[in-house]
């Protein structure tokens, strides 16, 4: 597909998504089921889902920055849009009608079409590289990363620092994973950093599970491997517009709850 054909495809898919968005807004505004404040909020959610997709394409076409940077910005905005689409879908499902169910299906199909078209324009590819030679890499004193078993990119980070919202300026163990971030009291440092030093990711996860539900979200216990965000197939679940949880399926097909 030529560059002009690709751009035409993106425009067509965005117009399709806009039409679905307008149908959803019409449905919400005509619905007598929900109170006015809720309807207004859900209408705005539908608009934001569409505008995030448009912003993704605008970021890709922007004249500033390298192509890779623009592609990364577009991908980030599409990820935001996907989350918003999931939110709108959950709101529609709350009506429990055939019309709402059809609109939900059309919204997801239209979003996937637009997302794929934009991603193709961005030259989206799977992360380069292959399996790393080790599971854990030490970056410095009390600073470690878990490496993605599929591509070698950073899957999770453990380091000591002062949490952003701390009022005591006391250091803690900061964890940054696939779906969430946490910080743990320094009394846990001995065990956590010892297991990281040993490359014992299963033991690390077992210990972290005692500190936070779900343990290390980047880690798949069935595989005994960690995976980065690009290699987890993430599924957010929403309940009437409110975030509920995120499930992930690893490259080997194992599904687990990553964030609740």
Protein backbone atom coordinates (compact mmCIF):
# COMPACT_ATOMS: atom_id res chain seq x y z
CA UNK A 1 0.00 0.00 0.00
CA UNK A 2 1.43 3.37 -1.05
CA UNK A 3 1.78 6.29 1.32
CA UNK A 4 -1.22 8.09 -0.15
CA UNK A 5 -3.33 4.92 -0.10
CA UNK A 6 -2.37 4.40 3.53
CA UNK A 7 -3.36 7.95 4.46
CA UNK A 8 -6.66 7.53 2.62
CA UNK A 9 -7.30 4.33 4.56
CA UNK A 10 -6.64 6.11 7.86
CA UNK A 11 -9.03 8.92 6.93
CA UNK A 12 -11.71 6.41 5.95
CA UNK A 13 -11.34 4.47 9.20
CA UNK A 14 -11.41 7.64 11.31
CA UNK A 15 -14.58 8.78 9.52
CA UNK A 16 -16.12 5.38 10.24
CA UNK A 17 -15.19 5.73 13.91
CA UNK A 18 -16.62 9.26 14.00
CA UNK A 19 -19.94 8.00 12.63
CA UNK A 20 -20.11 5.33 15.34
CA UNK A 21 -19.23 7.95 17.95
CA UNK A 22 -22.11 10.14 16.75
CA UNK A 23 -24.53 7.20 16.91
CA UNK A 24 -23.42 6.46 20.47
CA UNK A 25 -23.87 10.08 21.53
CA UNK A 26 -27.33 10.14 19.97
CA UNK A 27 -28.24 6.95 21.79
CA UNK A 28 -26.97 8.28 25.13
CA UNK A 29 -28.67 11.64 24.80
CA UNK A 30 -32.00 10.01 23.93
CA UNK A 31 -31.82 7.44 26.71
CA UNK A 32 -34.22 7.93 29.61
CA UNK A 33 -32.48 5.27 31.69
CA UNK A 34 -29.64 7.27 33.20
CA UNK A 35 -29.63 10.59 35.04
CA UNK A 36 -28.53 13.70 33.18
CA UNK A 37 -25.14 13.99 34.90
CA UNK A 38 -24.20 10.41 34.08
CA UNK A 39 -25.38 10.73 30.48
CA UNK A 40 -23.29 13.89 30.06
CA UNK A 41 -20.22 12.19 31.50
CA UNK A 42 -20.65 9.17 29.23
CA UNK A 43 -21.12 11.40 26.19
CA UNK A 44 -17.81 13.07 27.00
CA UNK A 45 -16.15 9.66 27.31
CA UNK A 46 -17.34 8.74 23.81
CA UNK A 47 -15.98 12.02 22.45
CA UNK A 48 -12.62 11.55 24.19
CA UNK A 49 -12.24 8.03 22.79
CA UNK A 50 -12.58 9.45 19.28
CA UNK A 51 -10.36 12.48 19.90
CA UNK A 52 -7.57 10.27 21.29
CA UNK A 53 -7.50 8.36 17.99
CA UNK A 54 -7.42 11.60 16.00
CA UNK A 55 -4.63 12.89 18.24
CA UNK A 56 -2.67 9.70 17.59
CA UNK A 57 -2.80 10.30 13.85
CA UNK A 58 -1.98 13.99 14.31
CA UNK A 59 1.09 13.02 16.38
CA UNK A 60 2.22 10.71 13.61
CA UNK A 61 1.88 13.43 10.98
CA UNK A 62 3.50 16.16 13.10
CA UNK A 63 6.55 17.72 11.56
CA UNK A 64 8.50 17.81 14.82
CA UNK A 65 10.70 14.99 16.08
CA UNK A 66 12.17 11.89 14.53
CA UNK A 67 9.87 9.35 12.90
CA UNK A 68 10.49 6.87 15.73
CA UNK A 69 9.51 9.48 18.34
CA UNK A 70 6.33 10.37 16.46
CA UNK A 71 5.45 6.69 16.09
CA UNK A 72 5.97 6.17 19.82
CA UNK A 73 3.70 9.14 20.62
CA UNK A 74 1.03 7.78 18.29
CA UNK A 75 1.25 4.34 19.91
CA UNK A 76 0.89 5.87 23.38
CA UNK A 77 -2.19 7.83 22.35
CA UNK A 78 -3.73 4.75 20.74
CA UNK A 79 -3.20 2.90 24.00
CA UNK A 80 -5.05 5.69 25.82
CA UNK A 81 -7.81 5.50 23.21
CA UNK A 82 -8.12 1.73 23.64
CA UNK A 83 -8.60 2.17 27.37
CA UNK A 84 -11.25 4.82 26.74
CA UNK A 85 -13.00 2.58 24.20
CA UNK A 86 -13.12 -0.18 26.80
CA UNK A 87 -14.62 2.31 29.23
CA UNK A 88 -17.30 3.41 26.76
CA UNK A 89 -18.07 -0.23 25.95
CA UNK A 90 -18.68 -0.94 29.63
CA UNK A 91 -21.00 2.06 29.82
CA UNK A 92 -23.01 0.86 26.83
CA UNK A 93 -23.28 -2.65 28.25
CA UNK A 94 -24.93 -1.19 31.35
CA UNK A 95 -28.05 -0.50 29.26
CA UNK A 96 -28.45 -4.23 28.54
CA UNK A 97 -30.29 -3.68 25.23
CA UNK A 98 -29.74 -5.03 21.72
CA UNK A 99 -29.10 -1.52 20.41
CA UNK A 100 -26.44 -0.83 23.03
CA UNK A 101 -24.82 -4.21 22.37
CA UNK A 102 -24.70 -3.48 18.64
CA UNK A 103 -23.18 -0.04 19.25
CA UNK A 104 -20.58 -1.62 21.51
CA UNK A 105 -19.61 -4.09 18.79
CA UNK A 106 -19.48 -1.39 16.13
CA UNK A 107 -17.35 0.85 18.35
CA UNK A 108 -14.74 -1.85 18.95
CA UNK A 109 -14.63 -2.82 15.26
CA UNK A 110 -14.29 0.82 14.17
CA UNK A 111 -11.56 1.50 16.72
CA UNK A 112 -9.60 -1.61 15.71
CA UNK A 113 -9.82 -0.56 12.05
CA UNK A 114 -8.56 2.94 12.77
CA UNK A 115 -5.87 1.72 15.17
CA UNK A 116 -4.55 -0.80 12.67
CA UNK A 117 -4.50 1.75 9.85
CA UNK A 118 -2.60 4.28 11.95
CA UNK A 119 -0.18 1.64 13.20
CA UNK A 120 0.57 0.56 9.63
CA UNK A 121 1.32 4.18 8.74
CA UNK A 122 3.65 4.33 11.73
CA UNK A 123 5.47 1.23 10.51
CA UNK A 124 4.62 -0.62 13.71
CA UNK A 125 6.69 -3.71 14.33
CA UNK A 126 7.30 -6.13 17.14
CA UNK A 127 10.14 -5.00 19.39
CA UNK A 128 13.56 -5.83 17.93
CA UNK A 129 15.95 -8.24 19.52
CA UNK A 130 15.57 -11.70 20.93
CA UNK A 131 15.64 -13.58 24.22
CA UNK A 132 18.22 -12.13 26.63
CA UNK A 133 20.99 -14.24 28.10
CA UNK A 134 19.80 -13.46 31.65
CA UNK A 135 16.54 -12.69 33.41
CA UNK A 136 17.79 -9.82 35.59
CA UNK A 137 20.18 -6.99 34.84
CA UNK A 138 21.85 -4.88 37.52
CA UNK A 139 22.06 -1.20 36.60
CA UNK A 140 23.64 0.09 39.78
CA UNK A 141 23.52 -0.15 43.53
CA UNK A 142 19.99 -1.22 44.52
CA UNK A 143 18.79 -0.78 40.94
CA UNK A 144 17.71 -3.81 38.90
CA UNK A 145 15.52 -4.55 35.89
CA UNK A 146 13.72 -7.70 34.84
CA UNK A 147 14.27 -8.35 31.15
CA UNK A 148 11.57 -9.46 28.74
CA UNK A 149 12.10 -13.11 27.89
CA UNK A 150 10.90 -12.48 24.32
CA UNK A 151 12.79 -9.36 23.25
CA UNK A 152 15.19 -8.32 26.03
CA UNK A 153 13.47 -4.99 26.72
CA UNK A 154 12.86 -3.82 30.29
CA UNK A 155 9.82 -5.59 31.73
CA UNK A 156 9.95 -4.27 35.31
CA UNK A 157 12.16 -2.08 37.48
CA UNK A 158 13.19 -2.32 41.14
CA UNK A 159 15.21 0.55 42.63
CA UNK A 160 15.54 2.60 45.77
CA UNK A 161 14.43 6.22 45.74
CA UNK A 162 12.14 8.66 47.52
CA UNK A 163 8.51 8.17 46.36
CA UNK A 164 7.14 11.19 44.50
CA UNK A 165 4.37 11.92 47.00
CA UNK A 166 6.43 11.20 50.09
CA UNK A 167 6.20 13.69 52.93
CA UNK A 168 9.07 12.16 54.90
CA UNK A 169 11.78 12.11 52.22
CA UNK A 170 12.56 8.55 53.30
CA UNK A 171 13.69 6.13 50.62
CA UNK A 172 11.66 3.11 49.63
CA UNK A 173 11.91 0.28 47.12
CA UNK A 174 10.14 1.50 43.99
CA UNK A 175 8.59 -1.05 41.66
CA UNK A 176 7.49 -0.15 38.12
CA UNK A 177 5.80 -2.93 36.20
CA UNK A 178 3.59 -3.54 33.18
CA UNK A 179 0.31 -2.23 34.59
CA UNK A 180 1.14 -0.56 37.89
CA UNK A 181 3.71 0.96 40.20
CA UNK A 182 4.19 0.36 43.92
CA UNK A 183 6.68 1.18 46.63
CA UNK A 184 7.71 -1.05 49.52
CA UNK A 185 9.24 -0.31 52.88
CA UNK A 186 13.04 -0.60 53.06
CA UNK A 187 12.68 -3.43 55.59
CA UNK A 188 12.04 -5.62 52.52
CA UNK A 189 15.25 -4.58 50.78
CA UNK A 190 17.38 -7.50 51.98
CA UNK A 191 15.16 -10.20 50.51
CA UNK A 192 14.15 -8.35 47.35
CA UNK A 193 17.64 -7.33 46.29
CA UNK A 194 19.15 -10.68 47.27
CA UNK A 195 16.72 -12.50 44.98
CA UNK A 196 17.32 -10.01 42.20
CA UNK A 197 21.08 -10.46 42.59
CA UNK A 198 20.58 -14.23 42.33
CA UNK A 199 18.34 -13.88 39.27
CA UNK A 200 15.68 -15.76 41.22
CA UNK A 201 12.58 -14.21 39.63
CA UNK A 202 10.18 -16.87 40.91
CA UNK A 203 11.42 -16.36 44.46
CA UNK A 204 11.17 -12.60 43.98
CA UNK A 205 7.58 -12.89 42.80
CA UNK A 206 6.68 -15.20 45.68
CA UNK A 207 7.98 -12.63 48.15
CA UNK A 208 6.39 -9.60 46.44
CA UNK A 209 3.03 -11.43 46.45
CA UNK A 210 3.08 -11.06 50.24
CA UNK A 211 3.46 -7.29 49.82
CA UNK A 212 0.98 -6.61 47.00
CA UNK A 213 -1.75 -8.71 45.44
CA UNK A 214 -0.63 -10.20 42.13
CA UNK A 215 3.07 -9.93 42.87
CA UNK A 216 5.26 -8.85 39.95
CA UNK A 217 2.81 -8.16 37.14
CA UNK A 218 5.43 -8.61 34.42
CA UNK A 219 6.07 -12.19 35.56
CA UNK A 220 4.27 -15.30 34.30
CA UNK A 221 4.47 -18.06 36.94
CA UNK A 222 3.54 -20.73 34.39
CA UNK A 223 6.46 -19.80 32.14
CA UNK A 224 8.75 -18.70 34.97
CA UNK A 225 9.60 -15.73 32.76
CA UNK A 226 9.02 -11.99 32.66
CA UNK A 227 7.58 -10.18 29.65
CA UNK A 228 7.46 -6.49 28.74
CA UNK A 229 4.28 -4.58 28.01
CA UNK A 230 4.61 -5.21 24.27
CA UNK A 231 4.53 -8.95 24.77
CA UNK A 232 1.63 -9.15 27.20
CA UNK A 233 -1.77 -9.15 25.49
CA UNK A 234 -3.54 -6.81 27.91
CA UNK A 235 -7.32 -6.79 28.50
CA UNK A 236 -8.76 -4.04 30.67
CA UNK A 237 -12.15 -4.67 32.25
CA UNK A 238 -14.54 -1.85 33.11
CA UNK A 239 -17.81 -1.81 35.02
CA UNK A 240 -20.24 0.94 33.96
CA UNK A 241 -17.37 3.28 33.16
CA UNK A 242 -15.23 2.49 36.18
CA UNK A 243 -11.92 0.65 35.85
CA UNK A 244 -12.09 -2.81 37.37
CA UNK A 245 -8.95 -4.80 36.55
CA UNK A 246 -6.47 -5.84 33.85
CA UNK A 247 -5.85 -9.38 32.64
CA UNK A 248 -2.85 -10.34 30.56
CA UNK A 249 -2.07 -13.26 28.27
CA UNK A 250 1.61 -14.05 27.84
CA UNK A 251 3.19 -15.17 24.53
CA UNK A 252 2.75 -18.80 25.60
CA UNK A 253 -1.00 -18.33 26.07
CA UNK A 254 -1.11 -18.20 29.88
CA UNK A 255 -3.73 -15.74 31.16
CA UNK A 256 -3.51 -14.13 34.57
CA UNK A 257 -4.81 -11.19 36.56
CA UNK A 258 -2.15 -8.47 36.41
CA UNK A 259 -3.86 -5.60 38.23
CA UNK A 260 -6.99 -5.50 40.37
